[in-house]
Amino acid sequence: MPTGKFCSNYTAEAQALIQAAIMINNSNSDCQQVVFFTDALSVLQALQSNHPSLRKELSKISTNKRVTLQWVPSHCGVPGNEKADKLAKKGAECEQIDNEITYFE
């Protein structure tokens, strides 16, 4: 997902989780459990208080699947996370797209 130079890491990580949740919601998979791995501790912490867009998409999944959000350390050789970091760098080099503006107190 192209994020451009002006997108914060927090926004990019949150949007990535939202897009993944949307993809799962739109799939015809009959799996019973979904695990999201992320190195974005700030996004997981924001979910504890509020993040309406992400909560909405996750709640759609959780009606018929068990949803787990799992934090993983960054830059520690976790294969999927290393690949995600490489893709994030490519996304940061792309033209900025419209992103949801987030604000929390």
N, C-alpha and C. Protein backbone atom coordinates (compact mmCIF):
# COMPACT_ATOMS: atom_id res chain seq x y z
N MET A 1 0.85 -1.16 0.00
CA MET A 1 0.00 0.00 0.00
C MET A 1 0.90 1.23 0.00
N PRO A 2 0.78 2.09 -1.01
CA PRO A 2 1.61 3.29 -1.04
C PRO A 2 1.20 4.27 0.06
N THR A 3 2.15 4.66 0.87
CA THR A 3 1.86 5.58 1.97
C THR A 3 2.49 6.95 1.77
N GLY A 4 3.53 7.03 0.97
CA GLY A 4 4.18 8.30 0.73
C GLY A 4 5.06 8.73 1.89
N LYS A 5 5.64 9.92 1.75
CA LYS A 5 6.60 10.42 2.73
C LYS A 5 5.95 11.08 3.93
N PHE A 6 4.67 11.45 3.82
CA PHE A 6 4.05 12.24 4.86
C PHE A 6 3.14 11.43 5.78
N CYS A 7 3.17 10.15 5.64
CA CYS A 7 2.34 9.27 6.47
C CYS A 7 3.17 8.82 7.67
N SER A 8 2.60 8.94 8.85
CA SER A 8 3.34 8.50 10.04
C SER A 8 3.40 6.98 10.08
N ASN A 9 4.36 6.46 10.81
CA ASN A 9 4.48 5.01 10.98
C ASN A 9 3.21 4.45 11.62
N TYR A 10 2.70 5.16 12.62
CA TYR A 10 1.47 4.72 13.30
C TYR A 10 0.32 4.59 12.30
N THR A 11 0.12 5.62 11.47
CA THR A 11 -0.98 5.59 10.50
C THR A 11 -0.79 4.48 9.49
N ALA A 12 0.44 4.29 9.03
CA ALA A 12 0.71 3.23 8.06
C ALA A 12 0.43 1.85 8.66
N GLU A 13 0.87 1.64 9.89
CA GLU A 13 0.65 0.34 10.54
C GLU A 13 -0.84 0.10 10.79
N ALA A 14 -1.55 1.13 11.23
CA ALA A 14 -2.99 0.99 11.46
C ALA A 14 -3.73 0.71 10.16
N GLN A 15 -3.37 1.43 9.10
CA GLN A 15 -4.01 1.21 7.80
C GLN A 15 -3.72 -0.18 7.26
N ALA A 16 -2.52 -0.67 7.50
CA ALA A 16 -2.17 -2.03 7.05
C ALA A 16 -3.06 -3.06 7.75
N LEU A 17 -3.28 -2.90 9.05
CA LEU A 17 -4.16 -3.82 9.77
C LEU A 17 -5.60 -3.70 9.30
N ILE A 18 -6.05 -2.47 9.04
CA ILE A 18 -7.41 -2.27 8.54
C ILE A 18 -7.58 -2.95 7.19
N GLN A 19 -6.62 -2.75 6.28
CA GLN A 19 -6.71 -3.37 4.95
C GLN A 19 -6.68 -4.89 5.04
N ALA A 20 -5.85 -5.42 5.92
CA ALA A 20 -5.80 -6.88 6.10
C ALA A 20 -7.14 -7.39 6.62
N ALA A 21 -7.73 -6.67 7.56
CA ALA A 21 -9.04 -7.07 8.10
C ALA A 21 -10.11 -7.02 7.02
N ILE A 22 -10.08 -6.00 6.18
CA ILE A 22 -11.04 -5.89 5.08
C ILE A 22 -10.88 -7.07 4.12
N MET A 23 -9.63 -7.41 3.80
CA MET A 23 -9.38 -8.54 2.90
C MET A 23 -9.94 -9.84 3.49
N ILE A 24 -9.75 -10.04 4.77
CA ILE A 24 -10.26 -11.25 5.42
C ILE A 24 -11.79 -11.24 5.41
N ASN A 25 -12.38 -10.08 5.70
CA ASN A 25 -13.84 -9.97 5.69
C ASN A 25 -14.42 -10.27 4.31
N ASN A 26 -13.69 -9.89 3.27
CA ASN A 26 -14.18 -10.08 1.90
C ASN A 26 -13.85 -11.46 1.34
N SER A 27 -13.06 -12.24 2.05
CA SER A 27 -12.69 -13.56 1.55
C SER A 27 -13.77 -14.58 1.89
N ASN A 28 -13.72 -15.69 1.20
CA ASN A 28 -14.68 -16.77 1.46
C ASN A 28 -14.07 -17.86 2.32
N SER A 29 -13.01 -17.52 3.03
CA SER A 29 -12.32 -18.51 3.85
C SER A 29 -13.21 -19.00 4.99
N ASP A 30 -13.11 -20.29 5.26
CA ASP A 30 -13.88 -20.85 6.37
C ASP A 30 -13.01 -21.10 7.60
N CYS A 31 -11.84 -20.43 7.65
CA CYS A 31 -10.97 -20.59 8.82
C CYS A 31 -11.68 -20.07 10.06
N GLN A 32 -11.34 -20.64 11.19
CA GLN A 32 -11.98 -20.29 12.45
C GLN A 32 -11.17 -19.32 13.30
N GLN A 33 -9.89 -19.12 12.93
CA GLN A 33 -9.03 -18.25 13.73
C GLN A 33 -8.17 -17.39 12.81
N VAL A 34 -7.99 -16.13 13.20
CA VAL A 34 -7.15 -15.19 12.46
C VAL A 34 -6.16 -14.59 13.45
N VAL A 35 -4.89 -14.58 13.07
CA VAL A 35 -3.86 -13.98 13.92
C VAL A 35 -3.18 -12.87 13.13
N PHE A 36 -3.20 -11.67 13.66
CA PHE A 36 -2.50 -10.54 13.07
C PHE A 36 -1.20 -10.35 13.84
N PHE A 37 -0.09 -10.39 13.14
CA PHE A 37 1.22 -10.14 13.75
C PHE A 37 1.63 -8.72 13.40
N THR A 38 2.06 -7.96 14.39
CA THR A 38 2.49 -6.59 14.14
C THR A 38 3.61 -6.20 15.10
N ASP A 39 4.51 -5.36 14.62
CA ASP A 39 5.54 -4.82 15.50
C ASP A 39 5.16 -3.42 15.98
N ALA A 40 3.94 -3.01 15.68
CA ALA A 40 3.46 -1.67 16.04
C ALA A 40 2.74 -1.70 17.39
N LEU A 41 3.51 -1.63 18.43
CA LEU A 41 2.94 -1.65 19.78
C LEU A 41 1.99 -0.48 19.99
N SER A 42 2.28 0.66 19.38
CA SER A 42 1.43 1.85 19.53
C SER A 42 0.02 1.60 19.00
N VAL A 43 -0.10 0.83 17.92
CA VAL A 43 -1.42 0.53 17.36
C VAL A 43 -2.18 -0.40 18.30
N LEU A 44 -1.50 -1.39 18.84
CA LEU A 44 -2.14 -2.30 19.79
C LEU A 44 -2.60 -1.55 21.04
N GLN A 45 -1.77 -0.62 21.51
CA GLN A 45 -2.14 0.17 22.68
C GLN A 45 -3.33 1.08 22.38
N ALA A 46 -3.37 1.63 21.17
CA ALA A 46 -4.49 2.50 20.78
C ALA A 46 -5.80 1.72 20.74
N LEU A 47 -5.73 0.46 20.38
CA LEU A 47 -6.93 -0.37 20.34
C LEU A 47 -7.53 -0.56 21.72
N GLN A 48 -6.69 -0.51 22.75
CA GLN A 48 -7.21 -0.68 24.11
C GLN A 48 -8.09 0.49 24.50
N SER A 49 -7.81 1.67 23.97
CA SER A 49 -8.63 2.83 24.31
C SER A 49 -9.65 3.11 23.21
N ASN A 50 -9.16 3.28 21.99
CA ASN A 50 -10.07 3.60 20.90
C ASN A 50 -9.32 3.63 19.57
N HIS A 51 -9.90 3.11 18.57
CA HIS A 51 -9.47 3.27 17.18
C HIS A 51 -10.66 2.79 16.36
N PRO A 52 -11.63 3.68 16.10
CA PRO A 52 -12.92 3.27 15.53
C PRO A 52 -12.83 2.47 14.24
N SER A 53 -12.00 2.89 13.30
CA SER A 53 -11.94 2.19 12.01
C SER A 53 -11.43 0.77 12.16
N LEU A 54 -10.36 0.62 12.91
CA LEU A 54 -9.79 -0.71 13.09
C LEU A 54 -10.71 -1.58 13.94
N ARG A 55 -11.27 -1.02 15.00
CA ARG A 55 -12.21 -1.78 15.83
C ARG A 55 -13.40 -2.28 14.99
N LYS A 56 -13.89 -1.44 14.10
CA LYS A 56 -15.04 -1.80 13.26
C LYS A 56 -14.70 -3.01 12.39
N GLU A 57 -13.55 -2.98 11.73
CA GLU A 57 -13.17 -4.08 10.84
C GLU A 57 -12.88 -5.36 11.63
N LEU A 58 -12.23 -5.22 12.78
CA LEU A 58 -11.94 -6.40 13.60
C LEU A 58 -13.22 -7.00 14.17
N SER A 59 -14.18 -6.16 14.51
CA SER A 59 -15.43 -6.70 15.06
C SER A 59 -16.21 -7.47 14.00
N LYS A 60 -16.09 -7.07 12.75
CA LYS A 60 -16.74 -7.83 11.67
C LYS A 60 -16.18 -9.24 11.59
N ILE A 61 -14.87 -9.35 11.72
CA ILE A 61 -14.22 -10.67 11.66
C ILE A 61 -14.60 -11.50 12.87
N SER A 62 -14.61 -10.87 14.03
CA SER A 62 -14.78 -11.62 15.28
C SER A 62 -16.19 -12.18 15.47
N THR A 63 -17.11 -11.84 14.59
CA THR A 63 -18.45 -12.42 14.72
C THR A 63 -18.44 -13.91 14.41
N ASN A 64 -17.49 -14.34 13.56
CA ASN A 64 -17.44 -15.77 13.22
C ASN A 64 -16.04 -16.38 13.26
N LYS A 65 -15.07 -15.61 13.75
CA LYS A 65 -13.70 -16.10 13.85
C LYS A 65 -13.09 -15.63 15.17
N ARG A 66 -12.16 -16.40 15.67
CA ARG A 66 -11.40 -15.97 16.85
C ARG A 66 -10.25 -15.10 16.34
N VAL A 67 -10.16 -13.87 16.82
CA VAL A 67 -9.16 -12.91 16.36
C VAL A 67 -8.11 -12.71 17.45
N THR A 68 -6.84 -12.83 17.06
CA THR A 68 -5.73 -12.59 17.98
C THR A 68 -4.83 -11.54 17.37
N LEU A 69 -4.45 -10.56 18.17
CA LEU A 69 -3.46 -9.56 17.77
C LEU A 69 -2.19 -9.86 18.53
N GLN A 70 -1.12 -10.16 17.82
CA GLN A 70 0.13 -10.59 18.44
C GLN A 70 1.26 -9.62 18.12
N TRP A 71 1.86 -9.05 19.15
CA TRP A 71 3.02 -8.19 18.94
C TRP A 71 4.25 -9.04 18.71
N VAL A 72 5.08 -8.61 17.75
CA VAL A 72 6.37 -9.26 17.50
C VAL A 72 7.45 -8.17 17.52
N PRO A 73 8.63 -8.48 18.01
CA PRO A 73 9.70 -7.48 18.01
C PRO A 73 10.16 -7.17 16.59
N SER A 74 10.49 -5.91 16.36
CA SER A 74 10.95 -5.53 15.02
C SER A 74 12.44 -5.78 14.87
N HIS A 75 12.85 -6.02 13.65
CA HIS A 75 14.26 -6.19 13.28
C HIS A 75 14.95 -7.29 14.10
N CYS A 76 14.25 -8.37 14.35
CA CYS A 76 14.82 -9.49 15.10
C CYS A 76 14.81 -10.78 14.29
N GLY A 77 14.67 -10.66 12.99
CA GLY A 77 14.74 -11.83 12.13
C GLY A 77 13.45 -12.62 11.99
N VAL A 78 12.32 -12.07 12.43
CA VAL A 78 11.04 -12.75 12.22
C VAL A 78 10.73 -12.63 10.72
N PRO A 79 10.70 -13.76 9.98
CA PRO A 79 10.62 -13.72 8.51
C PRO A 79 9.48 -12.86 7.95
N GLY A 80 8.27 -13.04 8.40
CA GLY A 80 7.16 -12.25 7.88
C GLY A 80 7.30 -10.77 8.19
N ASN A 81 7.84 -10.47 9.36
CA ASN A 81 8.02 -9.08 9.75
C ASN A 81 9.12 -8.41 8.93
N GLU A 82 10.18 -9.15 8.65
CA GLU A 82 11.26 -8.60 7.82
C GLU A 82 10.75 -8.28 6.42
N LYS A 83 9.92 -9.17 5.87
CA LYS A 83 9.35 -8.93 4.54
C LYS A 83 8.43 -7.71 4.58
N ALA A 84 7.63 -7.60 5.63
CA ALA A 84 6.73 -6.45 5.78
C ALA A 84 7.53 -5.15 5.87
N ASP A 85 8.66 -5.16 6.56
CA ASP A 85 9.49 -3.96 6.66
C ASP A 85 10.03 -3.55 5.29
N LYS A 86 10.44 -4.52 4.48
CA LYS A 86 10.92 -4.21 3.13
C LYS A 86 9.81 -3.61 2.28
N LEU A 87 8.62 -4.18 2.38
CA LEU A 87 7.48 -3.65 1.62
C LEU A 87 7.10 -2.26 2.11
N ALA A 88 7.22 -2.01 3.42
CA ALA A 88 6.91 -0.70 3.97
C ALA A 88 7.87 0.36 3.42
N LYS A 89 9.13 0.00 3.28
CA LYS A 89 10.10 0.95 2.71
C LYS A 89 9.74 1.29 1.28
N LYS A 90 9.31 0.28 0.51
CA LYS A 90 8.87 0.54 -0.87
C LYS A 90 7.65 1.45 -0.88
N GLY A 91 6.70 1.18 0.03
CA GLY A 91 5.49 2.00 0.11
C GLY A 91 5.79 3.45 0.45
N ALA A 92 6.80 3.67 1.28
CA ALA A 92 7.17 5.02 1.67
C ALA A 92 7.76 5.81 0.50
N GLU A 93 8.26 5.11 -0.50
CA GLU A 93 8.83 5.77 -1.67
C GLU A 93 7.78 6.10 -2.72
N CYS A 94 6.57 5.59 -2.57
CA CYS A 94 5.50 5.80 -3.54
C CYS A 94 4.81 7.14 -3.31
N GLU A 95 4.02 7.53 -4.29
CA GLU A 95 3.25 8.76 -4.18
C GLU A 95 2.24 8.64 -3.04
N GLN A 96 2.07 9.73 -2.32
CA GLN A 96 1.13 9.76 -1.19
C GLN A 96 -0.29 9.52 -1.68
N ILE A 97 -1.03 8.67 -0.98
CA ILE A 97 -2.45 8.47 -1.27
C ILE A 97 -3.26 9.07 -0.14
N ASP A 98 -4.56 9.19 -0.34
CA ASP A 98 -5.42 9.69 0.72
C ASP A 98 -5.45 8.69 1.86
N ASN A 99 -5.22 9.17 3.06
CA ASN A 99 -5.26 8.33 4.25
C ASN A 99 -6.20 8.94 5.26
N GLU A 100 -6.78 8.10 6.07
CA GLU A 100 -7.64 8.56 7.15
C GLU A 100 -6.78 9.33 8.14
N ILE A 101 -7.27 10.45 8.59
CA ILE A 101 -6.56 11.23 9.59
C ILE A 101 -7.01 10.75 10.96
N THR A 102 -6.04 10.43 11.81
CA THR A 102 -6.39 9.94 13.14
C THR A 102 -5.98 10.97 14.18
N TYR A 103 -6.81 11.11 15.18
CA TYR A 103 -6.51 12.01 16.28
C TYR A 103 -7.08 11.41 17.55
N PHE A 104 -6.27 11.23 18.54
CA PHE A 104 -6.72 10.70 19.82
C PHE A 104 -6.17 11.56 20.93
N GLU A 105 -6.97 11.80 21.96
CA GLU A 105 -6.49 12.52 23.14
C GLU A 105 -6.18 11.54 24.22
